[in-house]
Amino acid sequence: MALIEAMTRDDPTGPEFTDHYSEALHEVTEAKREDRPLPQAPELEARPGQLVDLMAALQESVDKARAAGRDG
């Protein structure tokens, strides 16, 4: 209960509460209504991070489990 109360906000305003989908849909609708070119989609920013090969990670986990089963 304390966590919920600490995270509760009375006034949900700010950029984290902006409905970007509805705003973009409104822009497209207005452009079509006024026979204007459609707005361009914003460029997605690259998120740095490590790319993980899930199949390789799964195979490695299975191999370790099999090896542990033979040893124990």
PDB file of N, CA and C in Angstrom:
ATOM      1  N   MET A   1       0.819  -1.194   0.000  1.00  0.00           N
ATOM      2  CA  MET A   1       0.000   0.000   0.000  1.00  0.00           C
ATOM      3  C   MET A   1       0.865   1.262   0.000  1.00  0.00           C
ATOM      4  N   ALA A   2       1.976   1.205   0.739  1.00  0.00           N
ATOM      5  CA  ALA A   2       2.852   2.374   0.816  1.00  0.00           C
ATOM      6  C   ALA A   2       3.459   2.681  -0.547  1.00  0.00           C
ATOM      7  N   LEU A   3       3.823   1.649  -1.298  1.00  0.00           N
ATOM      8  CA  LEU A   3       4.394   1.856  -2.630  1.00  0.00           C
ATOM      9  C   LEU A   3       3.365   2.492  -3.554  1.00  0.00           C
ATOM     10  N   ILE A   4       2.154   1.992  -3.520  1.00  0.00           N
ATOM     11  CA  ILE A   4       1.101   2.549  -4.362  1.00  0.00           C
ATOM     12  C   ILE A   4       0.842   4.007  -4.004  1.00  0.00           C
ATOM     13  N   GLU A   5       0.775   4.314  -2.726  1.00  0.00           N
ATOM     14  CA  GLU A   5       0.545   5.689  -2.301  1.00  0.00           C
ATOM     15  C   GLU A   5       1.709   6.594  -2.697  1.00  0.00           C
ATOM     16  N   ALA A   6       2.931   6.079  -2.632  1.00  0.00           N
ATOM     17  CA  ALA A   6       4.097   6.885  -2.992  1.00  0.00           C
ATOM     18  C   ALA A   6       4.134   7.169  -4.491  1.00  0.00           C
ATOM     19  N   MET A   7       3.612   6.254  -5.300  1.00  0.00           N
ATOM     20  CA  MET A   7       3.667   6.414  -6.751  1.00  0.00           C
ATOM     21  C   MET A   7       2.417   7.079  -7.326  1.00  0.00           C
ATOM     22  N   THR A   8       1.395   7.284  -6.515  1.00  0.00           N
ATOM     23  CA  THR A   8       0.153   7.885  -6.977  1.00  0.00           C
ATOM     24  C   THR A   8       0.341   9.379  -7.197  1.00  0.00           C
ATOM     25  N   ARG A   9      -0.201   9.853  -8.323  1.00  0.00           N
ATOM     26  CA  ARG A   9      -0.144  11.278  -8.632  1.00  0.00           C
ATOM     27  C   ARG A   9      -1.560  11.804  -8.783  1.00  0.00           C
ATOM     28  N   ASP A  10      -1.817  12.960  -8.212  1.00  0.00           N
ATOM     29  CA  ASP A  10      -3.148  13.568  -8.305  1.00  0.00           C
ATOM     30  C   ASP A  10      -3.376  14.197  -9.676  1.00  0.00           C
ATOM     31  N   ASP A  11      -2.315  14.716 -10.270  1.00  0.00           N
ATOM     32  CA  ASP A  11      -2.432  15.428 -11.534  1.00  0.00           C
ATOM     33  C   ASP A  11      -1.518  14.773 -12.568  1.00  0.00           C
ATOM     34  N   PRO A  12      -2.019  13.818 -13.344  1.00  0.00           N
ATOM     35  CA  PRO A  12      -1.162  13.150 -14.325  1.00  0.00           C
ATOM     36  C   PRO A  12      -0.907  14.018 -15.553  1.00  0.00           C
ATOM     37  N   THR A  13       0.068  14.912 -15.432  1.00  0.00           N
ATOM     38  CA  THR A  13       0.454  15.750 -16.558  1.00  0.00           C
ATOM     39  C   THR A  13       1.941  15.589 -16.778  1.00  0.00           C
ATOM     40  N   GLY A  14       2.370  15.951 -17.943  1.00  0.00           N
ATOM     41  CA  GLY A  14       3.776  15.866 -18.264  1.00  0.00           C
ATOM     42  C   GLY A  14       3.992  14.991 -19.485  1.00  0.00           C
ATOM     43  N   PRO A  15       5.210  14.960 -19.985  1.00  0.00           N
ATOM     44  CA  PRO A  15       5.483  14.234 -21.233  1.00  0.00           C
ATOM     45  C   PRO A  15       5.230  12.732 -21.137  1.00  0.00           C
ATOM     46  N   GLU A  16       5.361  12.153 -19.963  1.00  0.00           N
ATOM     47  CA  GLU A  16       5.143  10.711 -19.843  1.00  0.00           C
ATOM     48  C   GLU A  16       3.671  10.336 -19.952  1.00  0.00           C
ATOM     49  N   PHE A  17       2.766  11.331 -19.888  1.00  0.00           N
ATOM     50  CA  PHE A  17       1.343  11.072 -19.989  1.00  0.00           C
ATOM     51  C   PHE A  17       0.756  11.568 -21.304  1.00  0.00           C
ATOM     52  N   THR A  18       1.590  11.930 -22.257  1.00  0.00           N
ATOM     53  CA  THR A  18       1.118  12.430 -23.539  1.00  0.00           C
ATOM     54  C   THR A  18       0.752  11.253 -24.438  1.00  0.00           C
ATOM     55  N   ASP A  19      -0.399  11.325 -25.073  1.00  0.00           N
ATOM     56  CA  ASP A  19      -0.867  10.280 -25.979  1.00  0.00           C
ATOM     57  C   ASP A  19      -0.391  10.626 -27.391  1.00  0.00           C
ATOM     58  N   HIS A  20       0.811  10.181 -27.715  1.00  0.00           N
ATOM     59  CA  HIS A  20       1.418  10.502 -29.006  1.00  0.00           C
ATOM     60  C   HIS A  20       0.663   9.855 -30.168  1.00  0.00           C
ATOM     61  N   TYR A  21       0.112   8.670 -29.945  1.00  0.00           N
ATOM     62  CA  TYR A  21      -0.627   7.997 -31.017  1.00  0.00           C
ATOM     63  C   TYR A  21      -1.844   8.812 -31.430  1.00  0.00           C
ATOM     64  N   SER A  22      -2.625   9.260 -30.455  1.00  0.00           N
ATOM     65  CA  SER A  22      -3.830  10.042 -30.777  1.00  0.00           C
ATOM     66  C   SER A  22      -3.470  11.361 -31.448  1.00  0.00           C
ATOM     67  N   GLU A  23      -2.390  11.984 -31.006  1.00  0.00           N
ATOM     68  CA  GLU A  23      -1.950  13.237 -31.631  1.00  0.00           C
ATOM     69  C   GLU A  23      -1.564  13.007 -33.087  1.00  0.00           C
ATOM     70  N   ALA A  24      -0.813  11.946 -33.363  1.00  0.00           N
ATOM     71  CA  ALA A  24      -0.389  11.643 -34.728  1.00  0.00           C
ATOM     72  C   ALA A  24      -1.589  11.293 -35.602  1.00  0.00           C
ATOM     73  N   LEU A  25      -2.527  10.535 -35.053  1.00  0.00           N
ATOM     74  CA  LEU A  25      -3.725  10.167 -35.796  1.00  0.00           C
ATOM     75  C   LEU A  25      -4.544  11.406 -36.137  1.00  0.00           C
ATOM     76  N   HIS A  26      -4.620  12.342 -35.210  1.00  0.00           N
ATOM     77  CA  HIS A  26      -5.333  13.600 -35.461  1.00  0.00           C
ATOM     78  C   HIS A  26      -4.663  14.379 -36.594  1.00  0.00           C
ATOM     79  N   GLU A  27      -3.334  14.430 -36.592  1.00  0.00           N
ATOM     80  CA  GLU A  27      -2.607  15.134 -37.657  1.00  0.00           C
ATOM     81  C   GLU A  27      -2.868  14.498 -39.014  1.00  0.00           C
ATOM     82  N   VAL A  28      -2.873  13.174 -39.081  1.00  0.00           N
ATOM     83  CA  VAL A  28      -3.122  12.480 -40.343  1.00  0.00           C
ATOM     84  C   VAL A  28      -4.556  12.741 -40.810  1.00  0.00           C
ATOM     85  N   THR A  29      -5.503  12.673 -39.890  1.00  0.00           N
ATOM     86  CA  THR A  29      -6.904  12.911 -40.230  1.00  0.00           C
ATOM     87  C   THR A  29      -7.102  14.320 -40.767  1.00  0.00           C
ATOM     88  N   GLU A  30      -6.502  15.302 -40.113  1.00  0.00           N
ATOM     89  CA  GLU A  30      -6.621  16.686 -40.571  1.00  0.00           C
ATOM     90  C   GLU A  30      -5.969  16.881 -41.935  1.00  0.00           C
ATOM     91  N   ALA A  31      -4.825  16.260 -42.152  1.00  0.00           N
ATOM     92  CA  ALA A  31      -4.147  16.387 -43.436  1.00  0.00           C
ATOM     93  C   ALA A  31      -5.003  15.789 -44.550  1.00  0.00           C
ATOM     94  N   LYS A  32      -5.602  14.644 -44.305  1.00  0.00           N
ATOM     95  CA  LYS A  32      -6.464  14.024 -45.319  1.00  0.00           C
ATOM     96  C   LYS A  32      -7.710  14.864 -45.562  1.00  0.00           C
ATOM     97  N   ARG A  33      -8.268  15.400 -44.496  1.00  0.00           N
ATOM     98  CA  ARG A  33      -9.477  16.216 -44.616  1.00  0.00           C
ATOM     99  C   ARG A  33      -9.200  17.464 -45.456  1.00  0.00           C
ATOM    100  N   GLU A  34      -8.030  18.060 -45.277  1.00  0.00           N
ATOM    101  CA  GLU A  34      -7.675  19.290 -45.981  1.00  0.00           C
ATOM    102  C   GLU A  34      -6.909  19.012 -47.269  1.00  0.00           C
ATOM    103  N   ASP A  35      -6.817  17.735 -47.655  1.00  0.00           N
ATOM    104  CA  ASP A  35      -6.134  17.319 -48.885  1.00  0.00           C
ATOM    105  C   ASP A  35      -4.693  17.827 -48.944  1.00  0.00           C
ATOM    106  N   ARG A  36      -4.008  17.697 -47.805  1.00  0.00           N
ATOM    107  CA  ARG A  36      -2.591  18.062 -47.709  1.00  0.00           C
ATOM    108  C   ARG A  36      -1.761  16.784 -47.682  1.00  0.00           C
ATOM    109  N   PRO A  37      -0.454  16.885 -47.947  1.00  0.00           N
ATOM    110  CA  PRO A  37       0.409  15.703 -47.819  1.00  0.00           C
ATOM    111  C   PRO A  37       0.429  15.221 -46.365  1.00  0.00           C
ATOM    112  N   LEU A  38       0.535  13.927 -46.194  1.00  0.00           N
ATOM    113  CA  LEU A  38       0.561  13.363 -44.847  1.00  0.00           C
ATOM    114  C   LEU A  38       1.858  13.739 -44.137  1.00  0.00           C
ATOM    115  N   PRO A  39       1.793  13.960 -42.831  1.00  0.00           N
ATOM    116  CA  PRO A  39       3.018  14.284 -42.088  1.00  0.00           C
ATOM    117  C   PRO A  39       3.967  13.081 -42.091  1.00  0.00           C
ATOM    118  N   GLN A  40       5.242  13.390 -42.066  1.00  0.00           N
ATOM    119  CA  GLN A  40       6.255  12.336 -42.045  1.00  0.00           C
ATOM    120  C   GLN A  40       6.380  11.761 -40.643  1.00  0.00           C
ATOM    121  N   ALA A  41       6.624  10.473 -40.587  1.00  0.00           N
ATOM    122  CA  ALA A  41       6.837   9.824 -39.292  1.00  0.00           C
ATOM    123  C   ALA A  41       8.179  10.274 -38.740  1.00  0.00           C
ATOM    124  N   PRO A  42       8.263  10.499 -37.436  1.00  0.00           N
ATOM    125  CA  PRO A  42       9.539  10.925 -36.856  1.00  0.00           C
ATOM    126  C   PRO A  42      10.565   9.783 -36.925  1.00  0.00           C
ATOM    127  N   GLU A  43      11.820  10.163 -37.038  1.00  0.00           N
ATOM    128  CA  GLU A  43      12.898   9.184 -37.032  1.00  0.00           C
ATOM    129  C   GLU A  43      13.020   8.591 -35.640  1.00  0.00           C
ATOM    130  N   LEU A  44      13.127   7.290 -35.574  1.00  0.00           N
ATOM    131  CA  LEU A  44      13.313   6.646 -34.283  1.00  0.00           C
ATOM    132  C   LEU A  44      14.761   6.784 -33.862  1.00  0.00           C
ATOM    133  N   GLU A  45      14.955   7.091 -32.604  1.00  0.00           N
ATOM    134  CA  GLU A  45      16.320   7.227 -32.113  1.00  0.00           C
ATOM    135  C   GLU A  45      16.890   5.844 -31.831  1.00  0.00           C
ATOM    136  N   ALA A  46      18.140   5.685 -32.149  1.00  0.00           N
ATOM    137  CA  ALA A  46      18.796   4.400 -31.917  1.00  0.00           C
ATOM    138  C   ALA A  46      19.015   4.207 -30.430  1.00  0.00           C
ATOM    139  N   ARG A  47      18.717   3.019 -29.977  1.00  0.00           N
ATOM    140  CA  ARG A  47      18.934   2.700 -28.571  1.00  0.00           C
ATOM    141  C   ARG A  47      20.178   1.831 -28.469  1.00  0.00           C
ATOM    142  N   PRO A  48      21.200   2.353 -27.834  1.00  0.00           N
ATOM    143  CA  PRO A  48      22.399   1.539 -27.689  1.00  0.00           C
ATOM    144  C   PRO A  48      22.127   0.371 -26.751  1.00  0.00           C
ATOM    145  N   GLY A  49      22.757  -0.721 -27.020  1.00  0.00           N
ATOM    146  CA  GLY A  49      22.574  -1.883 -26.161  1.00  0.00           C
ATOM    147  C   GLY A  49      23.214  -3.097 -26.796  1.00  0.00           C
ATOM    148  N   GLN A  50      23.195  -4.156 -26.068  1.00  0.00           N
ATOM    149  CA  GLN A  50      23.814  -5.374 -26.535  1.00  0.00           C
ATOM    150  C   GLN A  50      22.761  -6.210 -27.252  1.00  0.00           C
ATOM    151  N   LEU A  51      23.093  -6.660 -28.456  1.00  0.00           N
ATOM    152  CA  LEU A  51      22.225  -7.525 -29.220  1.00  0.00           C
ATOM    153  C   LEU A  51      22.480  -8.953 -28.778  1.00  0.00           C
ATOM    154  N   VAL A  52      21.419  -9.663 -28.400  1.00  0.00           N
ATOM    155  CA  VAL A  52      21.558 -11.013 -27.877  1.00  0.00           C
ATOM    156  C   VAL A  52      20.930 -11.990 -28.856  1.00  0.00           C
ATOM    157  N   ASP A  53      21.666 -13.028 -29.207  1.00  0.00           N
ATOM    158  CA  ASP A  53      21.136 -14.107 -30.026  1.00  0.00           C
ATOM    159  C   ASP A  53      20.437 -15.076 -29.084  1.00  0.00           C
ATOM    160  N   LEU A  54      19.110 -15.030 -29.078  1.00  0.00           N
ATOM    161  CA  LEU A  54      18.352 -15.814 -28.115  1.00  0.00           C
ATOM    162  C   LEU A  54      18.523 -17.313 -28.319  1.00  0.00           C
ATOM    163  N   MET A  55      18.603 -17.753 -29.557  1.00  0.00           N
ATOM    164  CA  MET A  55      18.788 -19.180 -29.803  1.00  0.00           C
ATOM    165  C   MET A  55      20.152 -19.646 -29.297  1.00  0.00           C
ATOM    166  N   ALA A  56      21.178 -18.850 -29.491  1.00  0.00           N
ATOM    167  CA  ALA A  56      22.512 -19.210 -29.001  1.00  0.00           C
ATOM    168  C   ALA A  56      22.525 -19.238 -27.473  1.00  0.00           C
ATOM    169  N   ALA A  57      21.864 -18.285 -26.848  1.00  0.00           N
ATOM    170  CA  ALA A  57      21.806 -18.253 -25.390  1.00  0.00           C
ATOM    171  C   ALA A  57      21.047 -19.461 -24.854  1.00  0.00           C
ATOM    172  N   LEU A  58      19.962 -19.838 -25.516  1.00  0.00           N
ATOM    173  CA  LEU A  58      19.190 -21.007 -25.109  1.00  0.00           C
ATOM    174  C   LEU A  58      20.014 -22.279 -25.269  1.00  0.00           C
ATOM    175  N   GLN A  59      20.708 -22.397 -26.394  1.00  0.00           N
ATOM    176  CA  GLN A  59      21.536 -23.584 -26.625  1.00  0.00           C
ATOM    177  C   GLN A  59      22.637 -23.685 -25.580  1.00  0.00           C
ATOM    178  N   GLU A  60      23.251 -22.573 -25.248  1.00  0.00           N
ATOM    179  CA  GLU A  60      24.297 -22.566 -24.227  1.00  0.00           C
ATOM    180  C   GLU A  60      23.736 -23.009 -22.877  1.00  0.00           C
ATOM    181  N   SER A  61      22.535 -22.540 -22.547  1.00  0.00           N
ATOM    182  CA  SER A  61      21.899 -22.922 -21.297  1.00  0.00           C
ATOM    183  C   SER A  61      21.591 -24.420 -21.264  1.00  0.00           C
ATOM    184  N   VAL A  62      21.106 -24.953 -22.377  1.00  0.00           N
ATOM    185  CA  VAL A  62      20.808 -26.386 -22.463  1.00  0.00           C
ATOM    186  C   VAL A  62      22.090 -27.194 -22.335  1.00  0.00           C
ATOM    187  N   ASP A  63      23.134 -26.760 -23.017  1.00  0.00           N
ATOM    188  CA  ASP A  63      24.430 -27.470 -22.942  1.00  0.00           C
ATOM    189  C   ASP A  63      24.954 -27.485 -21.509  1.00  0.00           C
ATOM    190  N   LYS A  64      24.846 -26.345 -20.807  1.00  0.00           N
ATOM    191  CA  LYS A  64      25.325 -26.290 -19.414  1.00  0.00           C
ATOM    192  C   LYS A  64      24.488 -27.210 -18.527  1.00  0.00           C
ATOM    193  N   ALA A  65      23.197 -27.253 -18.737  1.00  0.00           N
ATOM    194  CA  ALA A  65      22.324 -28.108 -17.942  1.00  0.00           C
ATOM    195  C   ALA A  65      22.650 -29.576 -18.178  1.00  0.00           C
ATOM    196  N   ARG A  66      22.906 -29.941 -19.426  1.00  0.00           N
ATOM    197  CA  ARG A  66      23.276 -31.331 -19.746  1.00  0.00           C
ATOM    198  C   ARG A  66      24.604 -31.705 -19.111  1.00  0.00           C
ATOM    199  N   ALA A  67      25.557 -30.773 -19.197  1.00  0.00           N
ATOM    200  CA  ALA A  67      26.882 -31.045 -18.607  1.00  0.00           C
ATOM    201  C   ALA A  67      26.765 -31.177 -17.096  1.00  0.00           C
ATOM    202  N   ALA A  68      25.958 -30.367 -16.463  1.00  0.00           N
ATOM    203  CA  ALA A  68      25.771 -30.442 -15.023  1.00  0.00           C
ATOM    204  C   ALA A  68      25.073 -31.757 -14.652  1.00  0.00           C
ATOM    205  N   GLY A  69      24.179 -32.236 -15.494  1.00  0.00           N
ATOM    206  CA  GLY A  69      23.490 -33.504 -15.232  1.00  0.00           C
ATOM    207  C   GLY A  69      24.421 -34.694 -15.325  1.00  0.00           C
ATOM    208  N   ARG A  70      25.420 -34.630 -16.201  1.00  0.00           N
ATOM    209  CA  ARG A  70      26.396 -35.719 -16.333  1.00  0.00           C
ATOM    210  C   ARG A  70      27.380 -35.724 -15.177  1.00  0.00           C
ATOM    211  N   ASP A  71      27.667 -34.526 -14.644  1.00  0.00           N
ATOM    212  CA  ASP A  71      28.649 -34.410 -13.564  1.00  0.00           C
ATOM    213  C   ASP A  71      28.036 -34.761 -12.216  1.00  0.00           C
ATOM    214  N   GLY A  72      26.747 -34.627 -12.076  1.00  0.00           N
ATOM    215  CA  GLY A  72      26.145 -34.766 -10.762  1.00  0.00           C
ATOM    216  C   GLY A  72      25.338 -35.945 -10.577  1.00  0.00           C
TER     217      GLY A  72
END
